[in-house]
Amino acid sequence: LDLVVCSALGCDQFDCVYPARTARFGTAMTSEGLIPLKKRKYSCDNRILDPTTSVGRNYSRGFLHEALKESTGCQLLTMHNIEFLQNFMKRLRASIRDGTFPDFVRDFMKREHPDGKYPQWAVNALRVAGIALT
């Protein structure tokens, strides 16, 4: 959310520890949202993590759940999260170039907050950037 709002406000360069820190805590960034892979329910989950990254396509959620008990799991998840975030930002930049950024933001917000309860700070900041969510 922060990267989307900051991009709307004109920021074009980021230094972010979020993908690595999130991975160290066992959480994967995916097109389905955040997945806390350390939870027991993922121990036997044979589904791939996410089709949009090389790690996500090649390792199951169950494998990564077990791998997170060692440093290898954190390394794999860090690689996945970084690639996921790079792909996300490529799509964001493409929407700016194509003139569809406001729609990109609205679609993102609907996916992240399906109940329509958006954080007020984000609503206010996006309004300043000329993007209305409703």
C-alpha atoms as a PDB file:
ATOM      1  CA  LEU A   1       0.000   0.000   0.000  1.00  0.00           C
ATOM      2  CA  ASP A   2       2.778   2.412   0.921  1.00  0.00           C
ATOM      3  CA  LEU A   3       4.510   1.985  -2.447  1.00  0.00           C
ATOM      4  CA  VAL A   4       1.282   2.591  -4.363  1.00  0.00           C
ATOM      5  CA  VAL A   5       0.431   5.723  -2.389  1.00  0.00           C
ATOM      6  CA  CYS A   6       3.988   7.069  -2.552  1.00  0.00           C
ATOM      7  CA  SER A   7       4.063   6.456  -6.313  1.00  0.00           C
ATOM      8  CA  ALA A   8       0.793   8.371  -6.641  1.00  0.00           C
ATOM      9  CA  LEU A   9       2.404  11.249  -4.767  1.00  0.00           C
ATOM     10  CA  GLY A  10       5.366  11.290  -7.165  1.00  0.00           C
ATOM     11  CA  CYS A  11       8.027   9.158  -5.489  1.00  0.00           C
ATOM     12  CA  ASP A  12       9.959   7.208  -8.075  1.00  0.00           C
ATOM     13  CA  GLN A  13      12.738   5.524  -6.122  1.00  0.00           C
ATOM     14  CA  PHE A  14      12.503   3.330  -3.061  1.00  0.00           C
ATOM     15  CA  ASP A  15      14.872   1.613  -0.660  1.00  0.00           C
ATOM     16  CA  CYS A  16      12.793  -1.005   1.049  1.00  0.00           C
ATOM     17  CA  VAL A  17      13.668  -3.787   3.502  1.00  0.00           C
ATOM     18  CA  TYR A  18      10.067  -5.018   3.502  1.00  0.00           C
ATOM     19  CA  PRO A  19      10.516  -8.035   1.164  1.00  0.00           C
ATOM     20  CA  ALA A  20      13.463  -9.428   3.157  1.00  0.00           C
ATOM     21  CA  ARG A  21      12.079  -8.615   6.600  1.00  0.00           C
ATOM     22  CA  THR A  22       8.727 -10.130   5.693  1.00  0.00           C
ATOM     23  CA  ALA A  23      10.488 -13.267   4.434  1.00  0.00           C
ATOM     24  CA  ARG A  24      12.491 -13.610   7.654  1.00  0.00           C
ATOM     25  CA  PHE A  25       9.190 -13.742   9.527  1.00  0.00           C
ATOM     26  CA  GLY A  26       7.994 -16.476   7.140  1.00  0.00           C
ATOM     27  CA  THR A  27       5.517 -14.422   5.143  1.00  0.00           C
ATOM     28  CA  ALA A  28       5.244 -14.573   1.372  1.00  0.00           C
ATOM     29  CA  MET A  29       3.954 -11.710  -0.750  1.00  0.00           C
ATOM     30  CA  THR A  30       1.650 -13.222  -3.399  1.00  0.00           C
ATOM     31  CA  SER A  31      -1.048 -12.308  -5.859  1.00  0.00           C
ATOM     32  CA  GLU A  32      -3.460 -13.750  -3.253  1.00  0.00           C
ATOM     33  CA  GLY A  33      -2.114 -11.410  -0.585  1.00  0.00           C
ATOM     34  CA  LEU A  34       0.256 -12.161   2.276  1.00  0.00           C
ATOM     35  CA  ILE A  35       0.681 -15.850   3.162  1.00  0.00           C
ATOM     36  CA  PRO A  36       2.109 -16.672   6.615  1.00  0.00           C
ATOM     37  CA  LEU A  37       3.902 -19.874   5.610  1.00  0.00           C
ATOM     38  CA  LYS A  38       5.071 -20.726   9.132  1.00  0.00           C
ATOM     39  CA  LYS A  39       1.507 -21.592  10.102  1.00  0.00           C
ATOM     40  CA  ARG A  40       0.909 -25.318  10.528  1.00  0.00           C
ATOM     41  CA  LYS A  41      -1.871 -25.363   7.931  1.00  0.00           C
ATOM     42  CA  TYR A  42       0.758 -24.938   5.178  1.00  0.00           C
ATOM     43  CA  SER A  43       2.862 -27.939   6.272  1.00  0.00           C
ATOM     44  CA  CYS A  44       1.216 -30.319   3.786  1.00  0.00           C
ATOM     45  CA  ASP A  45       0.077 -27.766   1.199  1.00  0.00           C
ATOM     46  CA  ASN A  46       1.327 -28.993  -2.187  1.00  0.00           C
ATOM     47  CA  ARG A  47       0.136 -25.960  -4.150  1.00  0.00           C
ATOM     48  CA  ILE A  48       2.801 -23.768  -5.707  1.00  0.00           C
ATOM     49  CA  LEU A  49       3.410 -20.566  -3.825  1.00  0.00           C
ATOM     50  CA  ASP A  50       2.700 -18.115  -6.652  1.00  0.00           C
ATOM     51  CA  PRO A  51       2.962 -18.437 -10.444  1.00  0.00           C
ATOM     52  CA  THR A  52       4.532 -15.000 -10.920  1.00  0.00           C
ATOM     53  CA  THR A  53       8.045 -15.735  -9.586  1.00  0.00           C
ATOM     54  CA  SER A  54      10.660 -18.406 -10.223  1.00  0.00           C
ATOM     55  CA  VAL A  55      10.672 -19.508  -6.567  1.00  0.00           C
ATOM     56  CA  GLY A  56       6.889 -19.356  -6.438  1.00  0.00           C
ATOM     57  CA  ARG A  57       6.545 -21.598  -9.506  1.00  0.00           C
ATOM     58  CA  ASN A  58       9.118 -24.143  -8.378  1.00  0.00           C
ATOM     59  CA  TYR A  59       8.412 -24.658  -4.679  1.00  0.00           C
ATOM     60  CA  SER A  60       5.266 -25.695  -2.884  1.00  0.00           C
ATOM     61  CA  ARG A  61       3.889 -23.937   0.157  1.00  0.00           C
ATOM     62  CA  GLY A  62       4.516 -27.108   2.164  1.00  0.00           C
ATOM     63  CA  PHE A  63       8.152 -27.309   1.087  1.00  0.00           C
ATOM     64  CA  LEU A  64       8.718 -23.665   1.998  1.00  0.00           C
ATOM     65  CA  HIS A  65       6.943 -24.179   5.334  1.00  0.00           C
ATOM     66  CA  GLU A  66       9.513 -26.853   6.198  1.00  0.00           C
ATOM     67  CA  ALA A  67      12.435 -24.941   4.632  1.00  0.00           C
ATOM     68  CA  LEU A  68      11.690 -21.941   6.863  1.00  0.00           C
ATOM     69  CA  LYS A  69      13.025 -23.983   9.771  1.00  0.00           C
ATOM     70  CA  GLU A  70      16.470 -23.427   8.208  1.00  0.00           C
ATOM     71  CA  SER A  71      18.111 -20.352   6.684  1.00  0.00           C
ATOM     72  CA  THR A  72      17.479 -21.745   3.193  1.00  0.00           C
ATOM     73  CA  GLY A  73      13.774 -21.093   3.575  1.00  0.00           C
ATOM     74  CA  CYS A  74      14.319 -17.438   4.440  1.00  0.00           C
ATOM     75  CA  GLN A  75      16.674 -17.062   1.486  1.00  0.00           C
ATOM     76  CA  LEU A  76      14.198 -18.627  -0.950  1.00  0.00           C
ATOM     77  CA  LEU A  77      11.342 -16.545   0.416  1.00  0.00           C
ATOM     78  CA  THR A  78      13.435 -13.363   0.223  1.00  0.00           C
ATOM     79  CA  MET A  79      14.210 -14.087  -3.436  1.00  0.00           C
ATOM     80  CA  HIS A  80      10.509 -14.697  -4.086  1.00  0.00           C
ATOM     81  CA  ASN A  81       9.361 -11.530  -2.291  1.00  0.00           C
ATOM     82  CA  ILE A  82      11.908  -9.352  -4.097  1.00  0.00           C
ATOM     83  CA  GLU A  83      10.917 -10.738  -7.499  1.00  0.00           C
ATOM     84  CA  PHE A  84       7.231 -10.395  -6.626  1.00  0.00           C
ATOM     85  CA  LEU A  85       7.704  -6.757  -5.634  1.00  0.00           C
ATOM     86  CA  GLN A  86       9.782  -6.024  -8.754  1.00  0.00           C
ATOM     87  CA  ASN A  87       7.021  -7.483 -10.939  1.00  0.00           C
ATOM     88  CA  PHE A  88       4.406  -5.470  -9.075  1.00  0.00           C
ATOM     89  CA  MET A  89       6.339  -2.243  -9.572  1.00  0.00           C
ATOM     90  CA  LYS A  90       6.789  -3.052 -13.299  1.00  0.00           C
ATOM     91  CA  ARG A  91       3.006  -3.278 -13.620  1.00  0.00           C
ATOM     92  CA  LEU A  92       2.601  -0.053 -11.637  1.00  0.00           C
ATOM     93  CA  ARG A  93       5.076   1.808 -13.901  1.00  0.00           C
ATOM     94  CA  ALA A  94       3.383   0.404 -17.009  1.00  0.00           C
ATOM     95  CA  SER A  95       0.038   1.746 -15.777  1.00  0.00           C
ATOM     96  CA  ILE A  96       1.598   5.208 -15.378  1.00  0.00           C
ATOM     97  CA  ARG A  97       2.992   5.066 -18.928  1.00  0.00           C
ATOM     98  CA  ASP A  98      -0.331   3.797 -20.303  1.00  0.00           C
ATOM     99  CA  GLY A  99      -2.355   6.459 -18.497  1.00  0.00           C
ATOM    100  CA  THR A 100      -4.278   3.853 -16.482  1.00  0.00           C
ATOM    101  CA  PHE A 101      -2.649   4.460 -13.095  1.00  0.00           C
ATOM    102  CA  PRO A 102      -5.835   5.663 -11.334  1.00  0.00           C
ATOM    103  CA  ASP A 103      -7.581   2.430 -12.391  1.00  0.00           C
ATOM    104  CA  PHE A 104      -4.529   0.413 -11.272  1.00  0.00           C
ATOM    105  CA  VAL A 105      -4.747   2.073  -7.840  1.00  0.00           C
ATOM    106  CA  ARG A 106      -8.506   1.504  -7.514  1.00  0.00           C
ATOM    107  CA  ASP A 107      -8.155  -2.171  -8.539  1.00  0.00           C
ATOM    108  CA  PHE A 108      -5.277  -2.636  -6.102  1.00  0.00           C
ATOM    109  CA  MET A 109      -7.252  -1.077  -3.259  1.00  0.00           C
ATOM    110  CA  LYS A 110     -10.293  -3.275  -3.990  1.00  0.00           C
ATOM    111  CA  ARG A 111      -8.115  -6.403  -3.942  1.00  0.00           C
ATOM    112  CA  GLU A 112      -6.341  -5.410  -0.737  1.00  0.00           C
ATOM    113  CA  HIS A 113      -9.485  -4.165   1.015  1.00  0.00           C
ATOM    114  CA  PRO A 114     -12.457  -6.087  -0.418  1.00  0.00           C
ATOM    115  CA  ASP A 115     -14.681  -4.749   2.357  1.00  0.00           C
ATOM    116  CA  GLY A 116     -14.087  -1.202   1.079  1.00  0.00           C
ATOM    117  CA  LYS A 117     -12.682  -0.065   4.437  1.00  0.00           C
ATOM    118  CA  TYR A 118      -9.622   1.793   3.199  1.00  0.00           C
ATOM    119  CA  PRO A 119      -7.132   3.339   5.624  1.00  0.00           C
ATOM    120  CA  GLN A 120      -8.066   6.992   5.920  1.00  0.00           C
ATOM    121  CA  TRP A 121      -4.452   8.140   5.501  1.00  0.00           C
ATOM    122  CA  ALA A 122      -4.343   6.389   2.114  1.00  0.00           C
ATOM    123  CA  VAL A 123      -7.678   7.859   1.017  1.00  0.00           C
ATOM    124  CA  ASN A 124      -6.475  11.354   1.964  1.00  0.00           C
ATOM    125  CA  ALA A 125      -3.099  10.963   0.262  1.00  0.00           C
ATOM    126  CA  LEU A 126      -4.607   9.544  -2.916  1.00  0.00           C
ATOM    127  CA  ARG A 127      -7.115  12.421  -2.985  1.00  0.00           C
ATOM    128  CA  VAL A 128      -4.171  14.857  -2.875  1.00  0.00           C
ATOM    129  CA  ALA A 129      -2.724  12.926  -5.837  1.00  0.00           C
ATOM    130  CA  GLY A 130      -6.015  13.354  -7.719  1.00  0.00           C
ATOM    131  CA  ILE A 131      -7.213   9.763  -7.334  1.00  0.00           C
ATOM    132  CA  ALA A 132     -10.666   9.236  -5.870  1.00  0.00           C
ATOM    133  CA  LEU A 133     -11.399   5.712  -4.629  1.00  0.00           C
ATOM    134  CA  THR A 134     -15.156   5.992  -4.959  1.00  0.00           C
END
